């Protein structure tokens, strides 16, 4: 039986948080995590789901999945080495 490698280590709910604060909070949370750990972020539709995944990829992290849930999205982000 193999474990799912995409099980989140941590989750933050940023629904209702406006840009750019949702990216800032995501970035700060990723900085507290170890390389390879996975963060699940809940984001609103519109600017948040367009901007946050692109911004974390620009920071060098990996977006593993974006999943629609009712009126929000769950984004899985793997923390990459920042060196």
PDB file of N, CA and C in Angstrom:
ATOM      1  N   UNK A   1       0.846  -1.181   0.000  1.00  0.00           N
ATOM      2  CA  UNK A   1       0.000   0.000   0.000  1.00  0.00           C
ATOM      3  C   UNK A   1       0.890   1.241   0.000  1.00  0.00           C
ATOM      4  N   UNK A   2       0.802   2.069  -1.041  1.00  0.00           N
ATOM      5  CA  UNK A   2       1.658   3.250  -1.119  1.00  0.00           C
ATOM      6  C   UNK A   2       0.911   4.470  -0.587  1.00  0.00           C
ATOM      7  N   UNK A   3       1.672   5.345   0.065  1.00  0.00           N
ATOM      8  CA  UNK A   3       1.078   6.577   0.588  1.00  0.00           C
ATOM      9  C   UNK A   3       0.946   7.590  -0.537  1.00  0.00           C
ATOM     10  N   UNK A   4      -0.089   8.422  -0.466  1.00  0.00           N
ATOM     11  CA  UNK A   4      -0.261   9.493  -1.440  1.00  0.00           C
ATOM     12  C   UNK A   4       0.788  10.570  -1.138  1.00  0.00           C
ATOM     13  N   UNK A   5       1.678  10.861  -2.086  1.00  0.00           N
ATOM     14  CA  UNK A   5       2.720  11.858  -1.820  1.00  0.00           C
ATOM     15  C   UNK A   5       2.192  13.289  -1.763  1.00  0.00           C
ATOM     16  N   UNK A   6       0.935  13.495  -2.163  1.00  0.00           N
ATOM     17  CA  UNK A   6       0.373  14.845  -2.188  1.00  0.00           C
ATOM     18  C   UNK A   6      -0.529  15.149  -0.994  1.00  0.00           C
ATOM     19  N   UNK A   7      -0.315  14.456   0.113  1.00  0.00           N
ATOM     20  CA  UNK A   7      -1.094  14.744   1.320  1.00  0.00           C
ATOM     21  C   UNK A   7      -0.526  16.011   1.957  1.00  0.00           C
ATOM     22  N   UNK A   8      -1.374  17.031   2.157  1.00  0.00           N
ATOM     23  CA  UNK A   8      -0.866  18.298   2.711  1.00  0.00           C
ATOM     24  C   UNK A   8      -0.299  18.152   4.118  1.00  0.00           C
ATOM     25  N   UNK A   9       0.788  18.861   4.357  1.00  0.00           N
ATOM     26  CA  UNK A   9       1.384  18.956   5.679  1.00  0.00           C
ATOM     27  C   UNK A   9       0.646  20.005   6.504  1.00  0.00           C
ATOM     28  N   UNK A  10       0.172  21.048   5.814  1.00  0.00           N
ATOM     29  CA  UNK A  10      -0.516  22.163   6.474  1.00  0.00           C
ATOM     30  C   UNK A  10      -1.579  22.712   5.530  1.00  0.00           C
ATOM     31  N   UNK A  11      -2.552  23.431   6.113  1.00  0.00           N
ATOM     32  CA  UNK A  11      -3.597  24.046   5.303  1.00  0.00           C
ATOM     33  C   UNK A  11      -3.887  25.436   5.845  1.00  0.00           C
ATOM     34  N   UNK A  12      -4.106  26.390   4.919  1.00  0.00           N
ATOM     35  CA  UNK A  12      -4.559  27.721   5.324  1.00  0.00           C
ATOM     36  C   UNK A  12      -5.774  28.095   4.486  1.00  0.00           C
ATOM     37  N   UNK A  13      -6.728  28.718   5.146  1.00  0.00           N
ATOM     38  CA  UNK A  13      -7.970  29.142   4.493  1.00  0.00           C
ATOM     39  C   UNK A  13      -7.885  30.642   4.257  1.00  0.00           C
ATOM     40  N   UNK A  14      -7.716  31.025   2.997  1.00  0.00           N
ATOM     41  CA  UNK A  14      -7.590  32.444   2.662  1.00  0.00           C
ATOM     42  C   UNK A  14      -8.796  32.951   1.894  1.00  0.00           C
ATOM     43  N   UNK A  15      -9.929  32.269   2.031  1.00  0.00           N
ATOM     44  CA  UNK A  15     -11.151  32.764   1.417  1.00  0.00           C
ATOM     45  C   UNK A  15     -11.520  34.083   2.088  1.00  0.00           C
ATOM     46  N   UNK A  16     -11.854  35.069   1.267  1.00  0.00           N
ATOM     47  CA  UNK A  16     -12.199  36.382   1.805  1.00  0.00           C
ATOM     48  C   UNK A  16     -11.004  37.298   1.989  1.00  0.00           C
ATOM     49  N   UNK A  17      -9.789  36.788   1.753  1.00  0.00           N
ATOM     50  CA  UNK A  17      -8.577  37.605   1.878  1.00  0.00           C
ATOM     51  C   UNK A  17      -8.247  38.162   0.494  1.00  0.00           C
ATOM     52  N   UNK A  18      -8.039  39.476   0.422  1.00  0.00           N
ATOM     53  CA  UNK A  18      -7.818  40.127  -0.878  1.00  0.00           C
ATOM     54  C   UNK A  18      -6.351  40.068  -1.294  1.00  0.00           C
ATOM     55  N   UNK A  19      -6.133  40.223  -2.608  1.00  0.00           N
ATOM     56  CA  UNK A  19      -4.779  40.326  -3.149  1.00  0.00           C
ATOM     57  C   UNK A  19      -4.198  41.672  -2.717  1.00  0.00           C
ATOM     58  N   UNK A  20      -2.931  41.776  -2.397  1.00  0.00           N
ATOM     59  CA  UNK A  20      -1.920  40.724  -2.438  1.00  0.00           C
ATOM     60  C   UNK A  20      -1.742  39.996  -1.118  1.00  0.00           C
ATOM     61  N   UNK A  21      -2.629  40.240  -0.147  1.00  0.00           N
ATOM     62  CA  UNK A  21      -2.436  39.660   1.185  1.00  0.00           C
ATOM     63  C   UNK A  21      -2.515  38.134   1.167  1.00  0.00           C
ATOM     64  N   UNK A  22      -3.345  37.572   0.268  1.00  0.00           N
ATOM     65  CA  UNK A  22      -3.426  36.106   0.226  1.00  0.00           C
ATOM     66  C   UNK A  22      -2.102  35.506  -0.244  1.00  0.00           C
ATOM     67  N   UNK A  23      -1.412  36.154  -1.181  1.00  0.00           N
ATOM     68  CA  UNK A  23      -0.094  35.667  -1.593  1.00  0.00           C
ATOM     69  C   UNK A  23       0.923  35.841  -0.473  1.00  0.00           C
ATOM     70  N   UNK A  24       0.902  36.992   0.188  1.00  0.00           N
ATOM     71  CA  UNK A  24       1.852  37.250   1.280  1.00  0.00           C
ATOM     72  C   UNK A  24       1.688  36.200   2.372  1.00  0.00           C
ATOM     73  N   UNK A  25       0.450  35.901   2.752  1.00  0.00           N
ATOM     74  CA  UNK A  25       0.204  34.902   3.801  1.00  0.00           C
ATOM     75  C   UNK A  25       0.650  33.512   3.339  1.00  0.00           C
ATOM     76  N   UNK A  26       0.428  33.197   2.054  1.00  0.00           N
ATOM     77  CA  UNK A  26       0.876  31.908   1.515  1.00  0.00           C
ATOM     78  C   UNK A  26       2.400  31.820   1.554  1.00  0.00           C
ATOM     79  N   UNK A  27       3.065  32.879   1.115  1.00  0.00           N
ATOM     80  CA  UNK A  27       4.531  32.904   1.096  1.00  0.00           C
ATOM     81  C   UNK A  27       5.100  32.755   2.510  1.00  0.00           C
ATOM     82  N   UNK A  28       4.530  33.484   3.462  1.00  0.00           N
ATOM     83  CA  UNK A  28       5.011  33.409   4.846  1.00  0.00           C
ATOM     84  C   UNK A  28       4.830  32.004   5.414  1.00  0.00           C
ATOM     85  N   UNK A  29       3.702  31.362   5.111  1.00  0.00           N
ATOM     86  CA  UNK A  29       3.474  29.996   5.590  1.00  0.00           C
ATOM     87  C   UNK A  29       4.484  29.039   4.962  1.00  0.00           C
ATOM     88  N   UNK A  30       4.728  29.169   3.653  1.00  0.00           N
ATOM     89  CA  UNK A  30       5.706  28.305   2.991  1.00  0.00           C
ATOM     90  C   UNK A  30       7.095  28.469   3.601  1.00  0.00           C
ATOM     91  N   UNK A  31       7.444  29.679   4.022  1.00  0.00           N
ATOM     92  CA  UNK A  31       8.760  29.921   4.613  1.00  0.00           C
ATOM     93  C   UNK A  31       8.947  29.180   5.937  1.00  0.00           C
ATOM     94  N   UNK A  32       7.853  28.823   6.605  1.00  0.00           N
ATOM     95  CA  UNK A  32       7.953  28.094   7.878  1.00  0.00           C
ATOM     96  C   UNK A  32       8.015  26.582   7.670  1.00  0.00           C
ATOM     97  N   UNK A  33       7.843  26.138   6.428  1.00  0.00           N
ATOM     98  CA  UNK A  33       7.770  24.710   6.130  1.00  0.00           C
ATOM     99  C   UNK A  33       9.110  24.195   5.611  1.00  0.00           C
ATOM    100  N   UNK A  34       9.278  22.873   5.667  1.00  0.00           N
ATOM    101  CA  UNK A  34      10.496  22.248   5.170  1.00  0.00           C
ATOM    102  C   UNK A  34      10.344  21.907   3.695  1.00  0.00           C
ATOM    103  N   UNK A  35      11.475  21.809   3.009  1.00  0.00           N
ATOM    104  CA  UNK A  35      11.472  21.440   1.594  1.00  0.00           C
ATOM    105  C   UNK A  35      10.728  20.116   1.408  1.00  0.00           C
ATOM    106  N   UNK A  36       9.854  20.080   0.404  1.00  0.00           N
ATOM    107  CA  UNK A  36       9.096  18.864   0.102  1.00  0.00           C
ATOM    108  C   UNK A  36       7.747  18.782   0.795  1.00  0.00           C
ATOM    109  N   UNK A  37       7.532  19.601   1.830  1.00  0.00           N
ATOM    110  CA  UNK A  37       6.230  19.596   2.489  1.00  0.00           C
ATOM    111  C   UNK A  37       5.198  20.257   1.579  1.00  0.00           C
ATOM    112  N   UNK A  38       3.932  19.899   1.792  1.00  0.00           N
ATOM    113  CA  UNK A  38       2.858  20.378   0.919  1.00  0.00           C
ATOM    114  C   UNK A  38       1.870  21.226   1.707  1.00  0.00           C
ATOM    115  N   UNK A  39       1.571  22.388   1.129  1.00  0.00           N
ATOM    116  CA  UNK A  39       0.623  23.328   1.719  1.00  0.00           C
ATOM    117  C   UNK A  39      -0.651  23.327   0.890  1.00  0.00           C
ATOM    118  N   UNK A  40      -1.781  23.185   1.558  1.00  0.00           N
ATOM    119  CA  UNK A  40      -3.086  23.311   0.921  1.00  0.00           C
ATOM    120  C   UNK A  40      -3.612  24.704   1.228  1.00  0.00           C
ATOM    121  N   UNK A  41      -3.947  25.446   0.175  1.00  0.00           N
ATOM    122  CA  UNK A  41      -4.432  26.817   0.330  1.00  0.00           C
ATOM    123  C   UNK A  41      -5.834  26.904  -0.257  1.00  0.00           C
ATOM    124  N   UNK A  42      -6.775  27.435   0.511  1.00  0.00           N
ATOM    125  CA  UNK A  42      -8.129  27.671   0.011  1.00  0.00           C
ATOM    126  C   UNK A  42      -8.224  29.118  -0.438  1.00  0.00           C
ATOM    127  N   UNK A  43      -8.602  29.300  -1.713  1.00  0.00           N
ATOM    128  CA  UNK A  43      -8.647  30.630  -2.320  1.00  0.00           C
ATOM    129  C   UNK A  43      -9.988  30.885  -2.985  1.00  0.00           C
ATOM    130  N   UNK A  44     -10.354  32.150  -3.061  1.00  0.00           N
ATOM    131  CA  UNK A  44     -11.559  32.551  -3.787  1.00  0.00           C
ATOM    132  C   UNK A  44     -11.320  32.497  -5.289  1.00  0.00           C
ATOM    133  N   UNK A  45     -12.414  32.465  -6.040  1.00  0.00           N
ATOM    134  CA  UNK A  45     -12.365  32.568  -7.490  1.00  0.00           C
ATOM    135  C   UNK A  45     -11.929  33.980  -7.866  1.00  0.00           C
ATOM    136  N   UNK A  46     -11.533  34.183  -9.111  1.00  0.00           N
ATOM    137  CA  UNK A  46     -11.154  35.511  -9.585  1.00  0.00           C
ATOM    138  C   UNK A  46      -9.664  35.748  -9.421  1.00  0.00           C
ATOM    139  N   UNK A  47      -9.314  36.966  -8.992  1.00  0.00           N
ATOM    140  CA  UNK A  47      -7.900  37.326  -8.862  1.00  0.00           C
ATOM    141  C   UNK A  47      -7.096  36.369  -7.990  1.00  0.00           C
ATOM    142  N   UNK A  48      -7.608  35.930  -6.827  1.00  0.00           N
ATOM    143  CA  UNK A  48      -6.790  35.040  -5.997  1.00  0.00           C
ATOM    144  C   UNK A  48      -6.349  33.771  -6.718  1.00  0.00           C
ATOM    145  N   UNK A  49      -7.255  33.076  -7.402  1.00  0.00           N
ATOM    146  CA  UNK A  49      -6.874  31.821  -8.051  1.00  0.00           C
ATOM    147  C   UNK A  49      -6.017  32.086  -9.290  1.00  0.00           C
ATOM    148  N   UNK A  50      -6.112  33.262  -9.870  1.00  0.00           N
ATOM    149  CA  UNK A  50      -5.240  33.603 -11.007  1.00  0.00           C
ATOM    150  C   UNK A  50      -3.843  34.007 -10.538  1.00  0.00           C
ATOM    151  N   UNK A  51      -3.764  34.754  -9.447  1.00  0.00           N
ATOM    152  CA  UNK A  51      -2.494  35.361  -9.047  1.00  0.00           C
ATOM    153  C   UNK A  51      -1.642  34.526  -8.100  1.00  0.00           C
ATOM    154  N   UNK A  52      -2.250  33.888  -7.098  1.00  0.00           N
ATOM    155  CA  UNK A  52      -1.457  33.192  -6.075  1.00  0.00           C
ATOM    156  C   UNK A  52      -0.662  32.021  -6.668  1.00  0.00           C
ATOM    157  N   UNK A  53      -1.275  31.110  -7.445  1.00  0.00           N
ATOM    158  CA  UNK A  53      -0.465  30.010  -8.001  1.00  0.00           C
ATOM    159  C   UNK A  53       0.694  30.512  -8.868  1.00  0.00           C
ATOM    160  N   UNK A  54       0.451  31.511  -9.690  1.00  0.00           N
ATOM    161  CA  UNK A  54       1.517  32.054 -10.542  1.00  0.00           C
ATOM    162  C   UNK A  54       2.626  32.663  -9.686  1.00  0.00           C
ATOM    163  N   UNK A  55       2.245  33.375  -8.642  1.00  0.00           N
ATOM    164  CA  UNK A  55       3.236  34.030  -7.786  1.00  0.00           C
ATOM    165  C   UNK A  55       4.092  33.031  -7.020  1.00  0.00           C
ATOM    166  N   UNK A  56       3.484  31.949  -6.507  1.00  0.00           N
ATOM    167  CA  UNK A  56       4.301  30.961  -5.774  1.00  0.00           C
ATOM    168  C   UNK A  56       5.230  30.218  -6.726  1.00  0.00           C
ATOM    169  N   UNK A  57       4.784  29.994  -7.974  1.00  0.00           N
ATOM    170  CA  UNK A  57       5.688  29.383  -8.956  1.00  0.00           C
ATOM    171  C   UNK A  57       6.848  30.323  -9.275  1.00  0.00           C
ATOM    172  N   UNK A  58       6.576  31.618  -9.343  1.00  0.00           N
ATOM    173  CA  UNK A  58       7.646  32.592  -9.559  1.00  0.00           C
ATOM    174  C   UNK A  58       8.645  32.589  -8.410  1.00  0.00           C
ATOM    175  N   UNK A  59       8.200  32.192  -7.229  1.00  0.00           N
ATOM    176  CA  UNK A  59       9.075  32.092  -6.059  1.00  0.00           C
ATOM    177  C   UNK A  59       9.866  30.783  -6.058  1.00  0.00           C
ATOM    178  N   UNK A  60       9.564  29.889  -7.005  1.00  0.00           N
ATOM    179  CA  UNK A  60      10.319  28.634  -7.111  1.00  0.00           C
ATOM    180  C   UNK A  60       9.633  27.417  -6.534  1.00  0.00           C
ATOM    181  N   UNK A  61       8.389  27.558  -6.077  1.00  0.00           N
ATOM    182  CA  UNK A  61       7.653  26.418  -5.528  1.00  0.00           C
ATOM    183  C   UNK A  61       6.851  25.745  -6.643  1.00  0.00           C
ATOM    184  N   UNK A  62       6.310  24.565  -6.352  1.00  0.00           N
ATOM    185  CA  UNK A  62       5.588  23.791  -7.356  1.00  0.00           C
ATOM    186  C   UNK A  62       4.107  23.715  -7.015  1.00  0.00           C
ATOM    187  N   UNK A  63       3.254  24.117  -7.955  1.00  0.00           N
ATOM    188  CA  UNK A  63       1.808  23.953  -7.792  1.00  0.00           C
ATOM    189  C   UNK A  63       1.468  22.559  -8.298  1.00  0.00           C
ATOM    190  N   UNK A  64       1.007  21.701  -7.392  1.00  0.00           N
ATOM    191  CA  UNK A  64       0.719  20.304  -7.723  1.00  0.00           C
ATOM    192  C   UNK A  64      -0.687  20.124  -8.269  1.00  0.00           C
ATOM    193  N   UNK A  65      -1.637  20.920  -7.774  1.00  0.00           N
ATOM    194  CA  UNK A  65      -3.029  20.746  -8.184  1.00  0.00           C
ATOM    195  C   UNK A  65      -3.830  21.995  -7.852  1.00  0.00           C
ATOM    196  N   UNK A  66      -4.877  22.212  -8.647  1.00  0.00           N
ATOM    197  CA  UNK A  66      -5.884  23.233  -8.354  1.00  0.00           C
ATOM    198  C   UNK A  66      -7.227  22.554  -8.518  1.00  0.00           C
ATOM    199  N   UNK A  67      -7.999  22.543  -7.442  1.00  0.00           N
ATOM    200  CA  UNK A  67      -9.259  21.803  -7.434  1.00  0.00           C
ATOM    201  C   UNK A  67     -10.392  22.742  -7.053  1.00  0.00           C
ATOM    202  N   UNK A  68     -11.428  22.785  -7.871  1.00  0.00           N
ATOM    203  CA  UNK A  68     -12.595  23.628  -7.574  1.00  0.00           C
ATOM    204  C   UNK A  68     -13.439  22.958  -6.503  1.00  0.00           C
ATOM    205  N   UNK A  69     -13.878  23.754  -5.526  1.00  0.00           N
ATOM    206  CA  UNK A  69     -14.750  23.275  -4.456  1.00  0.00           C
ATOM    207  C   UNK A  69     -15.818  24.333  -4.208  1.00  0.00           C
ATOM    208  N   UNK A  70     -17.048  24.046  -4.578  1.00  0.00           N
ATOM    209  CA  UNK A  70     -18.144  25.006  -4.409  1.00  0.00           C
ATOM    210  C   UNK A  70     -17.749  26.372  -4.972  1.00  0.00           C
ATOM    211  N   UNK A  71     -17.592  27.366  -4.101  1.00  0.00           N
ATOM    212  CA  UNK A  71     -17.285  28.729  -4.549  1.00  0.00           C
ATOM    213  C   UNK A  71     -15.831  29.098  -4.287  1.00  0.00           C
ATOM    214  N   UNK A  72     -14.970  28.100  -4.175  1.00  0.00           N
ATOM    215  CA  UNK A  72     -13.560  28.362  -3.871  1.00  0.00           C
ATOM    216  C   UNK A  72     -12.698  27.331  -4.599  1.00  0.00           C
ATOM    217  N   UNK A  73     -11.389  27.456  -4.397  1.00  0.00           N
ATOM    218  CA  UNK A  73     -10.426  26.519  -4.967  1.00  0.00           C
ATOM    219  C   UNK A  73      -9.482  26.044  -3.874  1.00  0.00           C
ATOM    220  N   UNK A  74      -9.045  24.786  -3.990  1.00  0.00           N
ATOM    221  CA  UNK A  74      -7.971  24.262  -3.135  1.00  0.00           C
ATOM    222  C   UNK A  74      -6.754  24.116  -4.034  1.00  0.00           C
ATOM    223  N   UNK A  75      -5.656  24.739  -3.623  1.00  0.00           N
ATOM    224  CA  UNK A  75      -4.410  24.669  -4.374  1.00  0.00           C
ATOM    225  C   UNK A  75      -3.384  23.944  -3.503  1.00  0.00           C
ATOM    226  N   UNK A  76      -2.744  22.920  -4.073  1.00  0.00           N
ATOM    227  CA  UNK A  76      -1.684  22.199  -3.372  1.00  0.00           C
ATOM    228  C   UNK A  76      -0.345  22.693  -3.884  1.00  0.00           C
ATOM    229  N   UNK A  77       0.497  23.133  -2.952  1.00  0.00           N
ATOM    230  CA  UNK A  77       1.796  23.719  -3.295  1.00  0.00           C
ATOM    231  C   UNK A  77       2.885  22.947  -2.547  1.00  0.00           C
ATOM    232  N   UNK A  78       3.886  22.462  -3.312  1.00  0.00           N
ATOM    233  CA  UNK A  78       5.032  21.800  -2.670  1.00  0.00           C
ATOM    234  C   UNK A  78       6.128  22.819  -2.444  1.00  0.00           C
ATOM    235  N   UNK A  79       6.592  22.857  -1.201  1.00  0.00           N
ATOM    236  CA  UNK A  79       7.686  23.777  -0.813  1.00  0.00           C
ATOM    237  C   UNK A  79       8.970  23.270  -1.438  1.00  0.00           C
ATOM    238  N   UNK A  80       9.613  24.127  -2.205  1.00  0.00           N
ATOM    239  CA  UNK A  80      10.890  23.789  -2.812  1.00  0.00           C
ATOM    240  C   UNK A  80      12.002  24.524  -2.088  1.00  0.00           C
ATOM    241  N   UNK A  81      13.221  24.042  -2.250  1.00  0.00           N
ATOM    242  CA  UNK A  81      14.374  24.675  -1.636  1.00  0.00           C
ATOM    243  C   UNK A  81      14.520  26.090  -2.182  1.00  0.00           C
ATOM    244  N   UNK A  82      14.684  27.051  -1.308  1.00  0.00           N
ATOM    245  CA  UNK A  82      14.718  28.455  -1.742  1.00  0.00           C
ATOM    246  C   UNK A  82      16.126  28.965  -2.037  1.00  0.00           C
ATOM    247  N   UNK A  83      17.124  28.103  -1.943  1.00  0.00           N
ATOM    248  CA  UNK A  83      18.510  28.553  -2.198  1.00  0.00           C
ATOM    249  C   UNK A  83      18.786  28.751  -3.660  1.00  0.00           C
TER     250      UNK A  83
END
